[in-house]
Amino acid sequence: MEKFRISAQDHIIRNVVECLHCSVFGQGFKEDWNYKLINECTIEFTLKEGKQIKIADIFWFGYFTATD
């Protein structure tokens, strides 16, 4: 899994992008992943070259995005 997409309501995608920029977990997540907004309801993540997938980082980013 070097690339994945999330499709959701636009306010959820906006919240994800906000967390990528404003939260410590989001900023840490961006160290390993690039993101691209496909449209207002879809975001795509691509693993950066030389980085490894850390399942715990994906879990915690999702958790704190949901509770933020």
PDB file of N, CA and C in Angstrom:
ATOM      1  N   MET A   1       0.850  -1.176   0.000  1.00  0.00           N
ATOM      2  CA  MET A   1       0.000   0.000   0.000  1.00  0.00           C
ATOM      3  C   MET A   1       0.898   1.242   0.000  1.00  0.00           C
ATOM      4  N   GLU A   2       1.226   1.720  -1.155  1.00  0.00           N
ATOM      5  CA  GLU A   2       2.018   2.940  -1.247  1.00  0.00           C
ATOM      6  C   GLU A   2       1.162   4.144  -1.596  1.00  0.00           C
ATOM      7  N   LYS A   3      -0.103   3.884  -1.874  1.00  0.00           N
ATOM      8  CA  LYS A   3      -1.027   4.960  -2.221  1.00  0.00           C
ATOM      9  C   LYS A   3      -2.420   4.535  -1.777  1.00  0.00           C
ATOM     10  N   PHE A   4      -3.166   5.486  -1.222  1.00  0.00           N
ATOM     11  CA  PHE A   4      -4.558   5.202  -0.899  1.00  0.00           C
ATOM     12  C   PHE A   4      -5.378   6.480  -0.989  1.00  0.00           C
ATOM     13  N   ARG A   5      -6.664   6.302  -1.227  1.00  0.00           N
ATOM     14  CA  ARG A   5      -7.600   7.427  -1.328  1.00  0.00           C
ATOM     15  C   ARG A   5      -8.671   7.298  -0.257  1.00  0.00           C
ATOM     16  N   ILE A   6      -9.128   8.450   0.184  1.00  0.00           N
ATOM     17  CA  ILE A   6     -10.263   8.514   1.093  1.00  0.00           C
ATOM     18  C   ILE A   6     -11.296   9.409   0.437  1.00  0.00           C
ATOM     19  N   SER A   7     -12.500   8.888   0.310  1.00  0.00           N
ATOM     20  CA  SER A   7     -13.623   9.674  -0.205  1.00  0.00           C
ATOM     21  C   SER A   7     -14.635   9.818   0.918  1.00  0.00           C
ATOM     22  N   ALA A   8     -15.050  11.052   1.146  1.00  0.00           N
ATOM     23  CA  ALA A   8     -15.994  11.337   2.226  1.00  0.00           C
ATOM     24  C   ALA A   8     -16.665  12.676   1.938  1.00  0.00           C
ATOM     25  N   GLN A   9     -17.570  13.051   2.817  1.00  0.00           N
ATOM     26  CA  GLN A   9     -18.221  14.348   2.665  1.00  0.00           C
ATOM     27  C   GLN A   9     -17.162  15.447   2.744  1.00  0.00           C
ATOM     28  N   ASP A  10     -17.431  16.544   2.055  1.00  0.00           N
ATOM     29  CA  ASP A  10     -16.424  17.603   1.943  1.00  0.00           C
ATOM     30  C   ASP A  10     -15.955  18.140   3.289  1.00  0.00           C
ATOM     31  N   HIS A  11     -16.825  18.240   4.279  1.00  0.00           N
ATOM     32  CA  HIS A  11     -16.397  18.769   5.578  1.00  0.00           C
ATOM     33  C   HIS A  11     -15.418  17.817   6.278  1.00  0.00           C
ATOM     34  N   ILE A  12     -15.526  16.529   6.018  1.00  0.00           N
ATOM     35  CA  ILE A  12     -14.593  15.560   6.596  1.00  0.00           C
ATOM     36  C   ILE A  12     -13.221  15.712   5.943  1.00  0.00           C
ATOM     37  N   ILE A  13     -13.194  15.847   4.630  1.00  0.00           N
ATOM     38  CA  ILE A  13     -11.923  16.028   3.920  1.00  0.00           C
ATOM     39  C   ILE A  13     -11.264  17.341   4.347  1.00  0.00           C
ATOM     40  N   ARG A  14     -12.048  18.395   4.519  1.00  0.00           N
ATOM     41  CA  ARG A  14     -11.492  19.675   5.002  1.00  0.00           C
ATOM     42  C   ARG A  14     -10.866  19.497   6.382  1.00  0.00           C
ATOM     43  N   ASN A  15     -11.521  18.715   7.240  1.00  0.00           N
ATOM     44  CA  ASN A  15     -10.992  18.462   8.576  1.00  0.00           C
ATOM     45  C   ASN A  15      -9.671  17.695   8.505  1.00  0.00           C
ATOM     46  N   VAL A  16      -9.580  16.723   7.611  1.00  0.00           N
ATOM     47  CA  VAL A  16      -8.334  15.969   7.434  1.00  0.00           C
ATOM     48  C   VAL A  16      -7.208  16.910   7.010  1.00  0.00           C
ATOM     49  N   VAL A  17      -7.466  17.766   6.032  1.00  0.00           N
ATOM     50  CA  VAL A  17      -6.444  18.703   5.548  1.00  0.00           C
ATOM     51  C   VAL A  17      -6.043  19.667   6.664  1.00  0.00           C
ATOM     52  N   GLU A  18      -7.009  20.150   7.412  1.00  0.00           N
ATOM     53  CA  GLU A  18      -6.701  21.050   8.528  1.00  0.00           C
ATOM     54  C   GLU A  18      -5.798  20.357   9.541  1.00  0.00           C
ATOM     55  N   CYS A  19      -6.104  19.112   9.852  1.00  0.00           N
ATOM     56  CA  CYS A  19      -5.284  18.361  10.805  1.00  0.00           C
ATOM     57  C   CYS A  19      -3.877  18.103  10.270  1.00  0.00           C
ATOM     58  N   LEU A  20      -3.748  17.926   8.969  1.00  0.00           N
ATOM     59  CA  LEU A  20      -2.417  17.743   8.380  1.00  0.00           C
ATOM     60  C   LEU A  20      -1.535  18.965   8.602  1.00  0.00           C
ATOM     61  N   HIS A  21      -2.147  20.125   8.671  1.00  0.00           N
ATOM     62  CA  HIS A  21      -1.383  21.362   8.811  1.00  0.00           C
ATOM     63  C   HIS A  21      -1.299  21.871  10.242  1.00  0.00           C
ATOM     64  N   CYS A  22      -2.281  21.548  11.075  1.00  0.00           N
ATOM     65  CA  CYS A  22      -2.381  22.183  12.386  1.00  0.00           C
ATOM     66  C   CYS A  22      -2.075  21.278  13.573  1.00  0.00           C
ATOM     67  N   SER A  23      -2.116  19.978  13.388  1.00  0.00           N
ATOM     68  CA  SER A  23      -1.885  19.091  14.531  1.00  0.00           C
ATOM     69  C   SER A  23      -0.494  18.471  14.460  1.00  0.00           C
ATOM     70  N   VAL A  24       0.040  18.138  15.612  1.00  0.00           N
ATOM     71  CA  VAL A  24       1.352  17.504  15.682  1.00  0.00           C
ATOM     72  C   VAL A  24       1.331  16.169  14.952  1.00  0.00           C
ATOM     73  N   PHE A  25       0.268  15.396  15.128  1.00  0.00           N
ATOM     74  CA  PHE A  25       0.177  14.106  14.448  1.00  0.00           C
ATOM     75  C   PHE A  25       0.083  14.291  12.937  1.00  0.00           C
ATOM     76  N   GLY A  26      -0.650  15.292  12.501  1.00  0.00           N
ATOM     77  CA  GLY A  26      -0.765  15.556  11.070  1.00  0.00           C
ATOM     78  C   GLY A  26       0.559  15.961  10.457  1.00  0.00           C
ATOM     79  N   GLN A  27       1.283  16.816  11.150  1.00  0.00           N
ATOM     80  CA  GLN A  27       2.579  17.251  10.640  1.00  0.00           C
ATOM     81  C   GLN A  27       3.563  16.089  10.608  1.00  0.00           C
ATOM     82  N   GLY A  28       3.479  15.212  11.605  1.00  0.00           N
ATOM     83  CA  GLY A  28       4.318  14.018  11.599  1.00  0.00           C
ATOM     84  C   GLY A  28       3.951  13.078  10.464  1.00  0.00           C
ATOM     85  N   PHE A  29       2.653  12.958  10.206  1.00  0.00           N
ATOM     86  CA  PHE A  29       2.169  12.100   9.123  1.00  0.00           C
ATOM     87  C   PHE A  29       2.708  12.587   7.780  1.00  0.00           C
ATOM     88  N   LYS A  30       2.757  13.905   7.613  1.00  0.00           N
ATOM     89  CA  LYS A  30       3.255  14.484   6.356  1.00  0.00           C
ATOM     90  C   LYS A  30       4.749  14.252   6.153  1.00  0.00           C
ATOM     91  N   GLU A  31       5.470  13.857   7.197  1.00  0.00           N
ATOM     92  CA  GLU A  31       6.885  13.524   7.036  1.00  0.00           C
ATOM     93  C   GLU A  31       7.062  12.312   6.126  1.00  0.00           C
ATOM     94  N   ASP A  32       6.086  11.388   6.165  1.00  0.00           N
ATOM     95  CA  ASP A  32       6.184  10.148   5.388  1.00  0.00           C
ATOM     96  C   ASP A  32       5.253  10.102   4.179  1.00  0.00           C
ATOM     97  N   TRP A  33       4.240  10.937   4.155  1.00  0.00           N
ATOM     98  CA  TRP A  33       3.209  10.870   3.112  1.00  0.00           C
ATOM     99  C   TRP A  33       3.013  12.221   2.439  1.00  0.00           C
ATOM    100  N   ASN A  34       2.868  12.200   1.122  1.00  0.00           N
ATOM    101  CA  ASN A  34       2.384  13.357   0.370  1.00  0.00           C
ATOM    102  C   ASN A  34       0.878  13.209   0.243  1.00  0.00           C
ATOM    103  N   TYR A  35       0.193  14.324   0.127  1.00  0.00           N
ATOM    104  CA  TYR A  35      -1.245  14.244  -0.117  1.00  0.00           C
ATOM    105  C   TYR A  35      -1.621  15.159  -1.265  1.00  0.00           C
ATOM    106  N   LYS A  36      -2.721  14.802  -1.899  1.00  0.00           N
ATOM    107  CA  LYS A  36      -3.238  15.582  -3.025  1.00  0.00           C
ATOM    108  C   LYS A  36      -4.757  15.562  -2.936  1.00  0.00           C
ATOM    109  N   LEU A  37      -5.357  16.731  -3.036  1.00  0.00           N
ATOM    110  CA  LEU A  37      -6.816  16.791  -3.106  1.00  0.00           C
ATOM    111  C   LEU A  37      -7.229  16.481  -4.534  1.00  0.00           C
ATOM    112  N   ILE A  38      -7.988  15.428  -4.704  1.00  0.00           N
ATOM    113  CA  ILE A  38      -8.482  15.046  -6.023  1.00  0.00           C
ATOM    114  C   ILE A  38      -9.689  15.913  -6.368  1.00  0.00           C
ATOM    115  N   ASN A  39     -10.555  16.085  -5.414  1.00  0.00           N
ATOM    116  CA  ASN A  39     -11.686  17.013  -5.495  1.00  0.00           C
ATOM    117  C   ASN A  39     -12.113  17.309  -4.064  1.00  0.00           C
ATOM    118  N   GLU A  40     -13.197  18.045  -3.875  1.00  0.00           N
ATOM    119  CA  GLU A  40     -13.573  18.448  -2.517  1.00  0.00           C
ATOM    120  C   GLU A  40     -13.975  17.281  -1.628  1.00  0.00           C
ATOM    121  N   CYS A  41     -14.206  16.128  -2.214  1.00  0.00           N
ATOM    122  CA  CYS A  41     -14.641  14.958  -1.447  1.00  0.00           C
ATOM    123  C   CYS A  41     -13.641  13.801  -1.469  1.00  0.00           C
ATOM    124  N   THR A  42     -12.479  13.987  -2.079  1.00  0.00           N
ATOM    125  CA  THR A  42     -11.503  12.900  -2.183  1.00  0.00           C
ATOM    126  C   THR A  42     -10.091  13.429  -1.960  1.00  0.00           C
ATOM    127  N   ILE A  43      -9.353  12.720  -1.119  1.00  0.00           N
ATOM    128  CA  ILE A  43      -7.950  13.031  -0.872  1.00  0.00           C
ATOM    129  C   ILE A  43      -7.143  11.760  -1.131  1.00  0.00           C
ATOM    130  N   GLU A  44      -5.958  11.936  -1.710  1.00  0.00           N
ATOM    131  CA  GLU A  44      -5.095  10.797  -2.024  1.00  0.00           C
ATOM    132  C   GLU A  44      -3.763  10.970  -1.300  1.00  0.00           C
ATOM    133  N   PHE A  45      -3.309   9.907  -0.666  1.00  0.00           N
ATOM    134  CA  PHE A  45      -2.030   9.892   0.025  1.00  0.00           C
ATOM    135  C   PHE A  45      -1.070   8.977  -0.717  1.00  0.00           C
ATOM    136  N   THR A  46       0.182   9.430  -0.863  1.00  0.00           N
ATOM    137  CA  THR A  46       1.222   8.641  -1.515  1.00  0.00           C
ATOM    138  C   THR A  46       2.441   8.613  -0.599  1.00  0.00           C
ATOM    139  N   LEU A  47       2.950   7.416  -0.341  1.00  0.00           N
ATOM    140  CA  LEU A  47       4.122   7.254   0.512  1.00  0.00           C
ATOM    141  C   LEU A  47       5.339   7.885  -0.164  1.00  0.00           C
ATOM    142  N   LYS A  48       6.084   8.684   0.586  1.00  0.00           N
ATOM    143  CA  LYS A  48       7.277   9.329   0.039  1.00  0.00           C
ATOM    144  C   LYS A  48       8.371   8.287  -0.203  1.00  0.00           C
ATOM    145  N   GLU A  49       9.187   8.562  -1.194  1.00  0.00           N
ATOM    146  CA  GLU A  49      10.276   7.650  -1.555  1.00  0.00           C
ATOM    147  C   GLU A  49      11.214   7.438  -0.367  1.00  0.00           C
ATOM    148  N   GLY A  50      11.546   6.192  -0.123  1.00  0.00           N
ATOM    149  CA  GLY A  50      12.461   5.849   0.960  1.00  0.00           C
ATOM    150  C   GLY A  50      11.809   5.738   2.325  1.00  0.00           C
ATOM    151  N   LYS A  51      10.526   6.016   2.416  1.00  0.00           N
ATOM    152  CA  LYS A  51       9.808   5.940   3.691  1.00  0.00           C
ATOM    153  C   LYS A  51       9.109   4.597   3.816  1.00  0.00           C
ATOM    154  N   GLN A  52       8.860   4.195   5.047  1.00  0.00           N
ATOM    155  CA  GLN A  52       8.167   2.944   5.308  1.00  0.00           C
ATOM    156  C   GLN A  52       6.806   3.234   5.918  1.00  0.00           C
ATOM    157  N   ILE A  53       5.869   2.347   5.636  1.00  0.00           N
ATOM    158  CA  ILE A  53       4.526   2.475   6.192  1.00  0.00           C
ATOM    159  C   ILE A  53       4.578   2.163   7.682  1.00  0.00           C
ATOM    160  N   LYS A  54       3.992   3.053   8.465  1.00  0.00           N
ATOM    161  CA  LYS A  54       3.892   2.846   9.910  1.00  0.00           C
ATOM    162  C   LYS A  54       2.401   2.813  10.244  1.00  0.00           C
ATOM    163  N   ILE A  55       1.898   1.616  10.428  1.00  0.00           N
ATOM    164  CA  ILE A  55       0.466   1.439  10.678  1.00  0.00           C
ATOM    165  C   ILE A  55       0.016   2.235  11.901  1.00  0.00           C
ATOM    166  N   ALA A  56       0.828   2.278  12.936  1.00  0.00           N
ATOM    167  CA  ALA A  56       0.460   3.029  14.137  1.00  0.00           C
ATOM    168  C   ALA A  56       0.268   4.511  13.818  1.00  0.00           C
ATOM    169  N   ASP A  57       1.099   5.078  12.946  1.00  0.00           N
ATOM    170  CA  ASP A  57       0.946   6.488  12.564  1.00  0.00           C
ATOM    171  C   ASP A  57      -0.379   6.722  11.847  1.00  0.00           C
ATOM    172  N   ILE A  58      -0.750   5.794  10.970  1.00  0.00           N
ATOM    173  CA  ILE A  58      -2.033   5.915  10.267  1.00  0.00           C
ATOM    174  C   ILE A  58      -3.176   5.851  11.271  1.00  0.00           C
ATOM    175  N   PHE A  59      -3.096   4.915  12.204  1.00  0.00           N
ATOM    176  CA  PHE A  59      -4.135   4.777  13.225  1.00  0.00           C
ATOM    177  C   PHE A  59      -4.268   6.052  14.057  1.00  0.00           C
ATOM    178  N   TRP A  60      -3.157   6.539  14.609  1.00  0.00           N
ATOM    179  CA  TRP A  60      -3.223   7.697  15.492  1.00  0.00           C
ATOM    180  C   TRP A  60      -3.622   8.970  14.756  1.00  0.00           C
ATOM    181  N   PHE A  61      -3.176   9.128  13.519  1.00  0.00           N
ATOM    182  CA  PHE A  61      -3.618  10.290  12.754  1.00  0.00           C
ATOM    183  C   PHE A  61      -5.128  10.241  12.568  1.00  0.00           C
ATOM    184  N   GLY A  62      -5.652   9.092  12.217  1.00  0.00           N
ATOM    185  CA  GLY A  62      -7.102   8.938  12.068  1.00  0.00           C
ATOM    186  C   GLY A  62      -7.842   9.190  13.365  1.00  0.00           C
ATOM    187  N   TYR A  63      -7.311   8.676  14.445  1.00  0.00           N
ATOM    188  CA  TYR A  63      -7.953   8.853  15.753  1.00  0.00           C
ATOM    189  C   TYR A  63      -8.020  10.330  16.126  1.00  0.00           C
ATOM    190  N   PHE A  64      -6.897  11.019  16.034  1.00  0.00           N
ATOM    191  CA  PHE A  64      -6.881  12.420  16.443  1.00  0.00           C
ATOM    192  C   PHE A  64      -7.584  13.332  15.447  1.00  0.00           C
ATOM    193  N   THR A  65      -7.659  12.947  14.197  1.00  0.00           N
ATOM    194  CA  THR A  65      -8.452  13.708  13.237  1.00  0.00           C
ATOM    195  C   THR A  65      -9.924  13.621  13.603  1.00  0.00           C
ATOM    196  N   ALA A  66     -10.358  12.448  14.024  1.00  0.00           N
ATOM    197  CA  ALA A  66     -11.768  12.237  14.378  1.00  0.00           C
ATOM    198  C   ALA A  66     -12.143  12.940  15.670  1.00  0.00           C
ATOM    199  N   THR A  67     -11.202  13.091  16.593  1.00  0.00           N
ATOM    200  CA  THR A  67     -11.525  13.691  17.887  1.00  0.00           C
ATOM    201  C   THR A  67     -11.198  15.164  17.950  1.00  0.00           C
ATOM    202  N   ASP A  68     -10.541  15.680  16.941  1.00  0.00           N
ATOM    203  CA  ASP A  68     -10.121  17.082  16.934  1.00  0.00           C
ATOM    204  C   ASP A  68     -11.275  18.012  16.668  1.00  0.00           C
TER     205      ASP A  68
END
